[in-house]
């Protein structure tokens, strides 16, 4: 039986969130499947197709290999508008209660709209070096059935396993993905709880009500991590990052049980750092205050 192999030539994840590729190599992900492998295809939102593979292996480096096997893996198409690209992205989930470097869910993204192929890596590294809660990123080469699919960017994802690894809270019910919503109560329907078994969103609603009624930062400083939020907004401002809260998506909110404050978590950085400007001079001379003027 063929298996799915992941070859890591560097540490990629550790407790320091160090994503630097210290040995200057690029990792490989090899996915192989034959007719006898269990797989299933079904349609869900955005025509998402699921493929269930049998095995996954990790080889730490080229000189001495250490193999870790997983019996249950979900491999699916990923992304939103990027699903229309000729080089799509994928999602990888390790099932059965297993994990890799403390994570169970990963993203493989092609960033096809981003010619430099550096924005996601740079923005993740900036967050990691500043000590801000964030996903991490590195480069991999993807093979499916021994066919080279191209260079991809591998990141972890804001999921329950990420929260457990970073904050120590297991099976959180207070991690929400935000799509087409502001931090205001009238956009509450745009918040999707990552814990599919959670049904009580009252804590989120109380937070959004307080944000809506607030006259100044003093009114919410006890429930919202303003220091972290200000740092994120400064990064978005300086990097011309218009594809997050300014565009009302590509961010999460999470209630940290250690201080009972909600935090703002951003992701998807392929349109940051002056993306879609025809010339660098346009970005340099642009009045970025317009980014945060509604």
Protein backbone atom coordinates (compact mmCIF):
# COMPACT_ATOMS: atom_id res chain seq x y z
CA UNK A 1 0.00 0.00 0.00
CA UNK A 2 1.28 3.42 -0.90
CA UNK A 3 1.48 6.07 1.79
CA UNK A 4 1.56 9.84 2.16
CA UNK A 5 4.98 11.11 3.17
CA UNK A 6 5.96 14.46 4.69
CA UNK A 7 9.69 15.19 4.67
CA UNK A 8 10.79 17.96 7.03
CA UNK A 9 14.38 19.10 6.55
CA UNK A 10 14.18 21.67 9.34
CA UNK A 11 12.47 22.15 12.69
CA UNK A 12 9.67 24.33 11.27
CA UNK A 13 7.82 24.47 14.60
CA UNK A 14 9.09 24.74 18.13
CA UNK A 15 8.12 26.50 21.34
CA UNK A 16 9.87 29.65 20.17
CA UNK A 17 7.71 29.78 17.01
CA UNK A 18 10.95 29.82 15.01
CA UNK A 19 10.07 29.46 11.33
CA UNK A 20 13.52 30.24 9.98
CA UNK A 21 14.79 27.60 7.61
CA UNK A 22 18.17 27.28 9.32
CA UNK A 23 19.65 24.64 7.03
CA UNK A 24 18.51 26.54 3.91
CA UNK A 25 16.62 23.61 2.46
CA UNK A 26 13.03 23.27 1.29
CA UNK A 27 10.87 20.51 2.72
CA UNK A 28 8.95 18.01 0.58
CA UNK A 29 5.42 16.72 0.94
CA UNK A 30 4.73 13.56 -1.08
CA UNK A 31 1.16 12.29 -1.32
CA UNK A 32 0.54 8.90 -2.92
CA UNK A 33 -2.68 6.95 -3.25
CA UNK A 34 -3.84 3.80 -5.02
CA UNK A 35 -7.24 2.23 -5.64
CA UNK A 36 -7.22 0.29 -2.37
CA UNK A 37 -6.77 3.39 -0.24
CA UNK A 38 -9.88 4.54 1.53
CA UNK A 39 -11.11 7.80 0.05
CA UNK A 40 -14.33 9.65 -0.15
CA UNK A 41 -15.53 12.62 -2.20
CA UNK A 42 -18.43 14.80 -1.20
CA UNK A 43 -19.70 18.27 -2.01
CA UNK A 44 -19.97 20.87 0.69
CA UNK A 45 -19.74 24.65 0.74
CA UNK A 46 -17.61 26.08 -2.06
CA UNK A 47 -17.43 22.66 -3.76
CA UNK A 48 -15.06 21.28 -1.18
CA UNK A 49 -13.81 17.77 -1.94
CA UNK A 50 -12.45 15.47 0.76
CA UNK A 51 -9.88 12.75 0.20
CA UNK A 52 -9.11 10.35 3.02
CA UNK A 53 -5.64 8.85 2.87
CA UNK A 54 -4.20 6.04 4.93
CA UNK A 55 -0.78 7.13 6.08
CA UNK A 56 1.54 10.08 6.55
CA UNK A 57 5.24 10.01 7.30
CA UNK A 58 7.69 12.68 8.40
CA UNK A 59 11.41 12.55 7.70
CA UNK A 60 13.25 15.12 9.78
CA UNK A 61 16.33 15.55 7.58
CA UNK A 62 18.16 13.95 4.70
CA UNK A 63 20.93 12.39 6.80
CA UNK A 64 19.04 10.68 9.61
CA UNK A 65 15.38 9.95 9.15
CA UNK A 66 12.74 9.54 11.83
CA UNK A 67 9.36 8.32 10.70
CA UNK A 68 6.02 9.15 12.29
CA UNK A 69 2.89 7.48 10.92
CA UNK A 70 -0.74 8.60 11.15
CA UNK A 71 -3.67 6.34 10.35
CA UNK A 72 -6.31 8.98 9.63
CA UNK A 73 -5.72 12.00 7.40
CA UNK A 74 -8.09 14.44 5.71
CA UNK A 75 -6.69 16.13 2.60
CA UNK A 76 -8.97 18.68 0.95
CA UNK A 77 -9.07 21.62 -1.40
CA UNK A 78 -8.51 24.87 0.48
CA UNK A 79 -8.89 28.60 0.11
CA UNK A 80 -11.77 30.76 -1.05
CA UNK A 81 -11.31 32.77 -4.26
CA UNK A 82 -8.01 30.95 -4.75
CA UNK A 83 -9.97 27.78 -5.57
CA UNK A 84 -10.41 29.21 -9.05
CA UNK A 85 -6.64 29.30 -9.66
CA UNK A 86 -4.97 26.72 -11.87
CA UNK A 87 -2.74 25.90 -8.90
CA UNK A 88 -5.17 25.45 -5.99
CA UNK A 89 -4.45 25.32 -2.30
CA UNK A 90 -5.07 22.41 0.05
CA UNK A 91 -5.90 21.72 3.69
CA UNK A 92 -4.37 18.88 5.68
CA UNK A 93 -5.91 17.57 8.91
CA UNK A 94 -4.44 14.84 11.09
CA UNK A 95 -7.33 12.90 12.59
CA UNK A 96 -7.69 10.26 15.27
CA UNK A 97 -6.38 12.47 18.08
CA UNK A 98 -2.85 12.56 16.63
CA UNK A 99 -0.70 15.65 16.03
CA UNK A 100 2.50 16.89 14.42
CA UNK A 101 4.54 19.53 16.28
CA UNK A 102 1.54 20.23 18.48
CA UNK A 103 -0.69 20.94 15.49
CA UNK A 104 -3.34 18.87 13.78
CA UNK A 105 -4.36 21.16 10.92
CA UNK A 106 -2.22 22.71 8.21
CA UNK A 107 -2.66 24.75 5.06
CA UNK A 108 -0.77 24.36 1.78
CA UNK A 109 -1.18 27.54 -0.25
CA UNK A 110 0.00 28.39 -3.74
CA UNK A 111 -0.30 32.20 -3.33
CA UNK A 112 -0.73 32.30 -7.10
CA UNK A 113 -1.75 35.96 -7.08
CA UNK A 114 1.51 36.92 -5.37
CA UNK A 115 4.52 36.87 -7.74
CA UNK A 116 7.23 37.43 -5.11
CA UNK A 117 6.08 34.40 -3.07
CA UNK A 118 7.45 36.14 0.01
CA UNK A 119 4.53 38.01 1.56
CA UNK A 120 3.07 35.19 3.65
CA UNK A 121 6.47 34.09 4.92
CA UNK A 122 7.57 37.63 5.75
CA UNK A 123 4.37 38.59 7.54
CA UNK A 124 4.35 35.39 9.59
CA UNK A 125 8.00 35.88 10.52
CA UNK A 126 7.36 39.50 11.53
CA UNK A 127 4.59 38.39 13.87
CA UNK A 128 6.68 35.54 15.28
CA UNK A 129 9.72 37.75 15.90
CA UNK A 130 7.58 40.38 17.63
CA UNK A 131 6.14 37.71 19.89
CA UNK A 132 2.58 38.23 18.67
CA UNK A 133 0.20 35.26 18.55
CA UNK A 134 0.23 34.13 14.95
CA UNK A 135 0.44 31.25 12.54
CA UNK A 136 3.88 30.28 11.21
CA UNK A 137 4.99 29.61 7.63
CA UNK A 138 7.62 27.82 5.60
CA UNK A 139 8.11 26.55 2.05
CA UNK A 140 7.53 23.01 0.81
CA UNK A 141 7.60 21.14 -2.50
CA UNK A 142 4.41 19.18 -3.09
CA UNK A 143 4.20 15.85 -4.91
CA UNK A 144 1.01 13.89 -5.54
CA UNK A 145 1.47 10.33 -6.82
CA UNK A 146 5.12 11.22 -7.44
CA UNK A 147 4.10 14.07 -9.74
CA UNK A 148 5.59 17.44 -8.81
CA UNK A 149 2.76 19.90 -8.13
CA UNK A 150 4.94 22.92 -7.42
CA UNK A 151 6.30 25.04 -4.61
CA UNK A 152 3.81 25.70 -1.82
CA UNK A 153 3.69 27.63 1.44
CA UNK A 154 2.94 25.49 4.49
CA UNK A 155 1.28 27.13 7.50
CA UNK A 156 -0.58 26.01 10.55
CA UNK A 157 -4.13 27.26 11.10
CA UNK A 158 -6.23 28.92 13.78
CA UNK A 159 -8.09 25.84 14.94
CA UNK A 160 -8.83 24.19 18.27
CA UNK A 161 -5.50 22.36 18.17
CA UNK A 162 -3.62 25.66 17.66
CA UNK A 163 -5.41 27.18 20.65
CA UNK A 164 -4.58 24.15 22.78
CA UNK A 165 -0.91 24.31 21.76
CA UNK A 166 -0.50 28.07 22.27
CA UNK A 167 -2.90 28.81 25.15
CA UNK A 168 -3.40 25.41 26.74
CA UNK A 169 -7.19 25.47 26.40
CA UNK A 170 -8.61 22.20 25.11
CA UNK A 171 -11.77 22.11 22.97
CA UNK A 172 -12.29 25.86 23.15
CA UNK A 173 -15.75 27.20 22.37
CA UNK A 174 -14.58 30.79 21.96
CA UNK A 175 -12.61 30.80 18.70
CA UNK A 176 -14.50 32.46 15.85
CA UNK A 177 -13.70 32.89 12.17
CA UNK A 178 -14.84 36.28 10.90
CA UNK A 179 -16.14 36.69 7.36
CA UNK A 180 -17.74 39.94 6.25
CA UNK A 181 -18.11 41.26 9.75
CA UNK A 182 -16.82 44.02 11.99
CA UNK A 183 -16.33 43.88 15.73
CA UNK A 184 -19.89 45.11 16.10
CA UNK A 185 -23.08 43.42 17.23
CA UNK A 186 -25.05 43.95 14.02
CA UNK A 187 -22.52 41.79 12.14
CA UNK A 188 -22.73 38.88 14.62
CA UNK A 189 -23.97 36.47 11.95
CA UNK A 190 -20.60 36.70 10.21
CA UNK A 191 -18.82 34.99 13.11
CA UNK A 192 -18.46 31.22 12.78
CA UNK A 193 -17.45 29.14 15.80
CA UNK A 194 -14.58 26.77 14.99
CA UNK A 195 -15.96 24.30 17.54
CA UNK A 196 -18.82 22.76 15.57
CA UNK A 197 -20.34 21.26 18.71
CA UNK A 198 -20.67 24.66 20.41
CA UNK A 199 -24.13 26.19 20.32
CA UNK A 200 -23.94 28.96 22.92
CA UNK A 201 -22.48 32.17 21.47
CA UNK A 202 -23.57 34.40 24.32
CA UNK A 203 -20.04 35.37 25.38
CA UNK A 204 -19.29 36.53 21.84
CA UNK A 205 -22.52 38.50 21.66
CA UNK A 206 -21.81 40.25 24.97
CA UNK A 207 -18.37 41.19 23.67
CA UNK A 208 -19.80 42.58 20.43
CA UNK A 209 -22.46 44.53 22.32
CA UNK A 210 -19.78 46.11 24.50
CA UNK A 211 -17.70 46.98 21.44
CA UNK A 212 -20.74 48.56 19.79
CA UNK A 213 -21.63 50.66 22.82
CA UNK A 214 -18.05 51.73 23.60
CA UNK A 215 -17.32 55.46 23.47
CA UNK A 216 -13.59 55.05 24.04
CA UNK A 217 -10.97 52.36 24.57
CA UNK A 218 -11.49 52.64 28.33
CA UNK A 219 -14.91 51.04 27.92
CA UNK A 220 -13.49 47.80 26.50
CA UNK A 221 -9.97 47.53 27.88
CA UNK A 222 -11.11 44.96 30.45
CA UNK A 223 -12.53 42.59 27.80
CA UNK A 224 -10.41 43.28 24.68
CA UNK A 225 -6.62 42.94 24.44
CA UNK A 226 -6.00 46.46 23.18
CA UNK A 227 -2.20 46.32 23.35
CA UNK A 228 -2.14 43.34 21.00
CA UNK A 229 -4.81 44.91 18.75
CA UNK A 230 -2.90 48.20 18.46
CA UNK A 231 0.24 46.32 17.45
CA UNK A 232 -1.69 44.43 14.79
CA UNK A 233 -3.23 47.61 13.41
CA UNK A 234 0.21 49.24 13.34
CA UNK A 235 1.55 46.29 11.33
CA UNK A 236 -1.42 46.43 8.95
CA UNK A 237 -0.97 50.18 8.55
CA UNK A 238 2.77 49.97 7.87
CA UNK A 239 2.45 47.01 5.51
CA UNK A 240 -0.58 48.29 3.59
CA UNK A 241 -2.58 45.27 4.71
CA UNK A 242 -6.06 46.01 3.46
CA UNK A 243 -7.31 42.40 3.31
CA UNK A 244 -8.11 41.88 7.00
CA UNK A 245 -10.37 43.91 9.28
CA UNK A 246 -10.43 46.73 6.72
CA UNK A 247 -12.01 44.32 4.22
CA UNK A 248 -14.02 42.65 6.99
CA UNK A 249 -12.52 39.16 6.74
CA UNK A 250 -9.36 37.05 7.11
CA UNK A 251 -9.26 37.31 10.87
CA UNK A 252 -10.38 35.44 13.97
CA UNK A 253 -11.30 36.47 17.49
CA UNK A 254 -10.56 34.33 20.53
CA UNK A 255 -11.31 34.75 24.23
CA UNK A 256 -8.18 34.03 26.23
CA UNK A 257 -9.27 32.27 29.45
CA UNK A 258 -6.07 33.36 31.19
CA UNK A 259 -7.18 37.01 31.32
CA UNK A 260 -10.76 36.81 29.95
CA UNK A 261 -9.86 39.17 27.13
CA UNK A 262 -10.68 38.71 23.47
CA UNK A 263 -7.81 38.90 21.00
CA UNK A 264 -7.61 39.67 17.28
CA UNK A 265 -5.83 37.10 15.07
CA UNK A 266 -5.12 37.72 11.39
CA UNK A 267 -4.19 35.33 8.59
CA UNK A 268 -3.90 35.12 4.78
CA UNK A 269 -1.08 37.54 4.00
CA UNK A 270 -0.73 37.12 0.23
CA UNK A 271 -2.29 40.54 -0.42
CA UNK A 272 -0.23 42.41 2.20
CA UNK A 273 2.87 44.55 1.62
CA UNK A 274 1.47 46.77 -1.14
CA UNK A 275 -0.03 43.98 -3.23
CA UNK A 276 -1.84 45.05 -6.41
CA UNK A 277 0.06 48.31 -6.81
CA UNK A 278 1.35 48.63 -10.36
CA UNK A 279 4.46 50.49 -9.29
CA UNK A 280 6.26 50.68 -5.95
CA UNK A 281 6.02 54.47 -6.09
CA UNK A 282 2.22 54.19 -5.89
CA UNK A 283 2.52 52.30 -2.62
CA UNK A 284 5.19 54.62 -1.20
CA UNK A 285 3.16 57.73 -1.98
CA UNK A 286 -0.23 56.33 -0.97
CA UNK A 287 -2.01 57.88 2.00
CA UNK A 288 -2.46 54.76 4.11
CA UNK A 289 -4.83 56.57 6.43
CA UNK A 290 -7.43 55.85 3.76
CA UNK A 291 -7.10 52.14 4.54
CA UNK A 292 -8.73 52.65 7.92
CA UNK A 293 -11.24 55.33 6.97
CA UNK A 294 -14.72 53.87 6.62
